[in-house]
Amino acid sequence: SLLMLMVPFVAIVAMASVTAGSDGGSDPGIDAARQRWAAEGSADHRITYLLNGFGPATVTFGGGVIVDYDPGHPRLEDAPVFWVDALFEAIDAVADDPAGDVLSVEFDATTGHPRSASLDPDRSRRGEEWTIDVLGVEPLAER
């Protein structure tokens, strides 16, 4: 399936450590969104999302690790797993790669977490695009 073909590449992208606003094509709004997330978000959180329309997947992230993951759909069992910081990193990695294209991205006005993103990690290859729609982010600890 198409999702299975893109999993290894997207997993690498999701784990890449890229700084927003570097010499690549990062959306300038990502810096402000990251600042809002640092001020208003929660490092320990539960995120629920659809990946390419499948899910909803739910990830509980706490203490710097994935505490629990429910893929919500069999097609997401081997898909990359996202929490808020990993999603920021995936957006940065695609934006900073000359072959990649951030098709669209929206951030939450209050907490700054990504609400949705449509990314194309490699414009030269057909079918590499993927979309994530964040249905909710719930803090696990008070700030």
C-alpha atoms as a PDB file:
ATOM      1  CA  SER A   1       0.000   0.000   0.000  1.00  0.00           C
ATOM      2  CA  LEU A   2       1.034   3.611  -0.468  1.00  0.00           C
ATOM      3  CA  LEU A   3       1.144   4.237   3.279  1.00  0.00           C
ATOM      4  CA  MET A   4       3.510   1.299   3.784  1.00  0.00           C
ATOM      5  CA  LEU A   5       5.843   2.642   1.083  1.00  0.00           C
ATOM      6  CA  MET A   6       6.114   6.028   2.757  1.00  0.00           C
ATOM      7  CA  VAL A   7       6.482   4.818   6.360  1.00  0.00           C
ATOM      8  CA  PRO A   8      10.297   4.448   6.408  1.00  0.00           C
ATOM      9  CA  PHE A   9      10.847   7.913   4.907  1.00  0.00           C
ATOM     10  CA  VAL A  10       8.250   9.627   7.065  1.00  0.00           C
ATOM     11  CA  ALA A  11       9.576   7.927  10.204  1.00  0.00           C
ATOM     12  CA  ILE A  12      13.008   9.384   9.477  1.00  0.00           C
ATOM     13  CA  VAL A  13      11.478  12.792   8.802  1.00  0.00           C
ATOM     14  CA  ALA A  14       9.505  12.659  12.053  1.00  0.00           C
ATOM     15  CA  MET A  15      12.644  12.002  14.061  1.00  0.00           C
ATOM     16  CA  ALA A  16      14.851  14.560  12.284  1.00  0.00           C
ATOM     17  CA  SER A  17      16.156  17.401  14.392  1.00  0.00           C
ATOM     18  CA  VAL A  18      15.834  20.572  12.354  1.00  0.00           C
ATOM     19  CA  THR A  19      15.727  24.142  13.574  1.00  0.00           C
ATOM     20  CA  ALA A  20      12.813  26.260  12.381  1.00  0.00           C
ATOM     21  CA  GLY A  21      13.765  29.335  10.466  1.00  0.00           C
ATOM     22  CA  SER A  22      17.097  27.927   9.264  1.00  0.00           C
ATOM     23  CA  ASP A  23      18.268  28.487   5.700  1.00  0.00           C
ATOM     24  CA  GLY A  24      15.508  26.248   4.316  1.00  0.00           C
ATOM     25  CA  GLY A  25      11.927  27.110   3.551  1.00  0.00           C
ATOM     26  CA  SER A  26      10.348  26.928   6.997  1.00  0.00           C
ATOM     27  CA  ASP A  27       7.099  28.779   7.441  1.00  0.00           C
ATOM     28  CA  PRO A  28       7.976  31.903   9.456  1.00  0.00           C
ATOM     29  CA  GLY A  29       4.836  31.287  11.529  1.00  0.00           C
ATOM     30  CA  ILE A  30       6.333  28.112  12.923  1.00  0.00           C
ATOM     31  CA  ASP A  31       8.665  30.069  15.228  1.00  0.00           C
ATOM     32  CA  ALA A  32       5.735  31.941  16.782  1.00  0.00           C
ATOM     33  CA  ALA A  33       3.759  28.686  17.054  1.00  0.00           C
ATOM     34  CA  ARG A  34       6.685  26.951  18.807  1.00  0.00           C
ATOM     35  CA  GLN A  35       6.951  29.870  21.237  1.00  0.00           C
ATOM     36  CA  ARG A  36       3.214  29.620  22.012  1.00  0.00           C
ATOM     37  CA  TRP A  37       3.582  25.852  22.517  1.00  0.00           C
ATOM     38  CA  ALA A  38       6.539  26.385  24.889  1.00  0.00           C
ATOM     39  CA  ALA A  39       4.543  28.967  26.878  1.00  0.00           C
ATOM     40  CA  GLU A  40       1.019  27.500  26.754  1.00  0.00           C
ATOM     41  CA  GLY A  41       1.325  23.837  25.793  1.00  0.00           C
ATOM     42  CA  SER A  42       2.292  20.840  27.883  1.00  0.00           C
ATOM     43  CA  ALA A  43       5.360  18.677  27.235  1.00  0.00           C
ATOM     44  CA  ASP A  44       3.331  15.799  28.700  1.00  0.00           C
ATOM     45  CA  HIS A  45       0.202  15.441  26.598  1.00  0.00           C
ATOM     46  CA  ARG A  46      -2.222  13.196  24.777  1.00  0.00           C
ATOM     47  CA  ILE A  47      -2.654  13.920  21.070  1.00  0.00           C
ATOM     48  CA  THR A  48      -5.352  12.465  18.839  1.00  0.00           C
ATOM     49  CA  TYR A  49      -5.049  12.702  15.060  1.00  0.00           C
ATOM     50  CA  LEU A  50      -5.952  11.326  11.656  1.00  0.00           C
ATOM     51  CA  LEU A  51      -3.076  10.416   9.335  1.00  0.00           C
ATOM     52  CA  ASN A  52      -4.107  10.405   5.672  1.00  0.00           C
ATOM     53  CA  GLY A  53      -7.694  10.098   6.897  1.00  0.00           C
ATOM     54  CA  PHE A  54      -7.045   6.966   8.990  1.00  0.00           C
ATOM     55  CA  GLY A  55      -7.424   6.748  12.743  1.00  0.00           C
ATOM     56  CA  PRO A  56      -8.052   8.340  15.039  1.00  0.00           C
ATOM     57  CA  ALA A  57      -4.636   7.541  16.491  1.00  0.00           C
ATOM     58  CA  THR A  58      -4.005   8.516  20.095  1.00  0.00           C
ATOM     59  CA  VAL A  59      -0.521   9.034  21.534  1.00  0.00           C
ATOM     60  CA  THR A  60       0.209   9.660  25.195  1.00  0.00           C
ATOM     61  CA  PHE A  61       3.579  11.391  25.533  1.00  0.00           C
ATOM     62  CA  GLY A  62       5.121  11.954  28.948  1.00  0.00           C
ATOM     63  CA  GLY A  63       8.542  12.269  30.490  1.00  0.00           C
ATOM     64  CA  GLY A  64      10.120  12.536  27.043  1.00  0.00           C
ATOM     65  CA  VAL A  65       8.818   9.168  25.810  1.00  0.00           C
ATOM     66  CA  ILE A  66       5.743   7.627  24.226  1.00  0.00           C
ATOM     67  CA  VAL A  67       3.795   6.193  27.144  1.00  0.00           C
ATOM     68  CA  ASP A  68       0.915   4.731  25.117  1.00  0.00           C
ATOM     69  CA  TYR A  69      -0.094   4.462  21.459  1.00  0.00           C
ATOM     70  CA  ASP A  70      -3.437   3.400  20.044  1.00  0.00           C
ATOM     71  CA  PRO A  71      -3.275   3.477  16.221  1.00  0.00           C
ATOM     72  CA  GLY A  72      -7.061   3.582  15.929  1.00  0.00           C
ATOM     73  CA  HIS A  73      -6.897   1.800  12.543  1.00  0.00           C
ATOM     74  CA  PRO A  74      -4.928  -1.230  11.269  1.00  0.00           C
ATOM     75  CA  ARG A  75      -3.281   0.899   8.552  1.00  0.00           C
ATOM     76  CA  LEU A  76      -1.602   3.006  11.246  1.00  0.00           C
ATOM     77  CA  GLU A  77      -0.110   0.109  13.217  1.00  0.00           C
ATOM     78  CA  ASP A  78       3.272   0.510  11.455  1.00  0.00           C
ATOM     79  CA  ALA A  79       2.936   4.209  10.607  1.00  0.00           C
ATOM     80  CA  PRO A  80       5.055   6.937  12.191  1.00  0.00           C
ATOM     81  CA  VAL A  81       3.856   8.082  15.601  1.00  0.00           C
ATOM     82  CA  PHE A  82       3.476  11.790  16.307  1.00  0.00           C
ATOM     83  CA  TRP A  83       3.397  13.916  19.414  1.00  0.00           C
ATOM     84  CA  VAL A  84       3.482  17.717  19.208  1.00  0.00           C
ATOM     85  CA  ASP A  85       7.269  18.203  19.071  1.00  0.00           C
ATOM     86  CA  ALA A  86       7.677  15.351  16.554  1.00  0.00           C
ATOM     87  CA  LEU A  87       5.054  17.003  14.373  1.00  0.00           C
ATOM     88  CA  PHE A  88       6.905  20.337  14.522  1.00  0.00           C
ATOM     89  CA  GLU A  89      10.098  18.481  13.546  1.00  0.00           C
ATOM     90  CA  ALA A  90       8.409  16.728  10.618  1.00  0.00           C
ATOM     91  CA  ILE A  91       7.111  20.061   9.291  1.00  0.00           C
ATOM     92  CA  ASP A  92      10.567  21.612   9.672  1.00  0.00           C
ATOM     93  CA  ALA A  93      12.317  18.690   7.969  1.00  0.00           C
ATOM     94  CA  VAL A  94      10.084  18.865   4.902  1.00  0.00           C
ATOM     95  CA  ALA A  95      10.212  22.674   4.752  1.00  0.00           C
ATOM     96  CA  ASP A  96      14.002  22.716   5.031  1.00  0.00           C
ATOM     97  CA  ASP A  97      14.561  20.030   2.384  1.00  0.00           C
ATOM     98  CA  PRO A  98      14.866  21.500  -1.143  1.00  0.00           C
ATOM     99  CA  ALA A  99      13.011  18.450  -2.516  1.00  0.00           C
ATOM    100  CA  GLY A 100      10.148  18.854  -0.019  1.00  0.00           C
ATOM    101  CA  ASP A 101       7.099  21.062   0.005  1.00  0.00           C
ATOM    102  CA  VAL A 102       4.853  22.127   2.880  1.00  0.00           C
ATOM    103  CA  LEU A 103       1.518  22.250   1.077  1.00  0.00           C
ATOM    104  CA  SER A 104      -0.343  23.706   4.052  1.00  0.00           C
ATOM    105  CA  VAL A 105      -0.005  23.996   7.810  1.00  0.00           C
ATOM    106  CA  GLU A 106      -2.240  25.495  10.493  1.00  0.00           C
ATOM    107  CA  PHE A 107      -1.377  26.155  14.135  1.00  0.00           C
ATOM    108  CA  ASP A 108      -3.640  26.494  17.154  1.00  0.00           C
ATOM    109  CA  ALA A 109      -4.062  30.175  18.025  1.00  0.00           C
ATOM    110  CA  THR A 110      -3.900  29.524  21.783  1.00  0.00           C
ATOM    111  CA  THR A 111      -1.342  26.755  22.358  1.00  0.00           C
ATOM    112  CA  GLY A 112       0.530  26.903  19.039  1.00  0.00           C
ATOM    113  CA  HIS A 113       0.394  23.145  18.385  1.00  0.00           C
ATOM    114  CA  PRO A 114      -0.009  22.144  14.737  1.00  0.00           C
ATOM    115  CA  ARG A 115      -3.704  21.612  13.963  1.00  0.00           C
ATOM    116  CA  SER A 116      -3.131  20.248  10.479  1.00  0.00           C
ATOM    117  CA  ALA A 117      -0.347  19.787   7.971  1.00  0.00           C
ATOM    118  CA  SER A 118      -0.152  18.571   4.400  1.00  0.00           C
ATOM    119  CA  LEU A 119       3.396  17.708   3.448  1.00  0.00           C
ATOM    120  CA  ASP A 120       5.160  16.403   0.346  1.00  0.00           C
ATOM    121  CA  PRO A 121       8.595  15.111   1.396  1.00  0.00           C
ATOM    122  CA  ASP A 122       9.708  14.667  -2.227  1.00  0.00           C
ATOM    123  CA  ARG A 123       8.062  16.661  -5.016  1.00  0.00           C
ATOM    124  CA  SER A 124       9.859  14.550  -7.643  1.00  0.00           C
ATOM    125  CA  ARG A 125       8.057  11.367  -6.532  1.00  0.00           C
ATOM    126  CA  ARG A 126       4.351  10.934  -7.025  1.00  0.00           C
ATOM    127  CA  GLY A 127       2.334   9.719  -4.032  1.00  0.00           C
ATOM    128  CA  GLU A 128       4.688  10.837  -1.248  1.00  0.00           C
ATOM    129  CA  GLU A 129       2.244  13.439   0.116  1.00  0.00           C
ATOM    130  CA  TRP A 130       0.696  12.958   3.526  1.00  0.00           C
ATOM    131  CA  THR A 131      -1.745  14.848   5.702  1.00  0.00           C
ATOM    132  CA  ILE A 132      -2.261  14.932   9.438  1.00  0.00           C
ATOM    133  CA  ASP A 133      -5.318  16.437  11.100  1.00  0.00           C
ATOM    134  CA  VAL A 134      -4.968  16.944  14.842  1.00  0.00           C
ATOM    135  CA  LEU A 135      -8.314  16.329  16.514  1.00  0.00           C
ATOM    136  CA  GLY A 136      -7.161  17.296  19.986  1.00  0.00           C
ATOM    137  CA  VAL A 137      -4.253  17.870  22.363  1.00  0.00           C
ATOM    138  CA  GLU A 138      -4.894  17.309  26.044  1.00  0.00           C
ATOM    139  CA  PRO A 139      -2.299  18.313  28.663  1.00  0.00           C
ATOM    140  CA  LEU A 140      -1.433  15.622  31.192  1.00  0.00           C
ATOM    141  CA  ALA A 141       0.003  18.028  33.745  1.00  0.00           C
ATOM    142  CA  GLU A 142      -0.797  21.541  34.841  1.00  0.00           C
ATOM    143  CA  ARG A 143       1.637  24.236  33.687  1.00  0.00           C
END
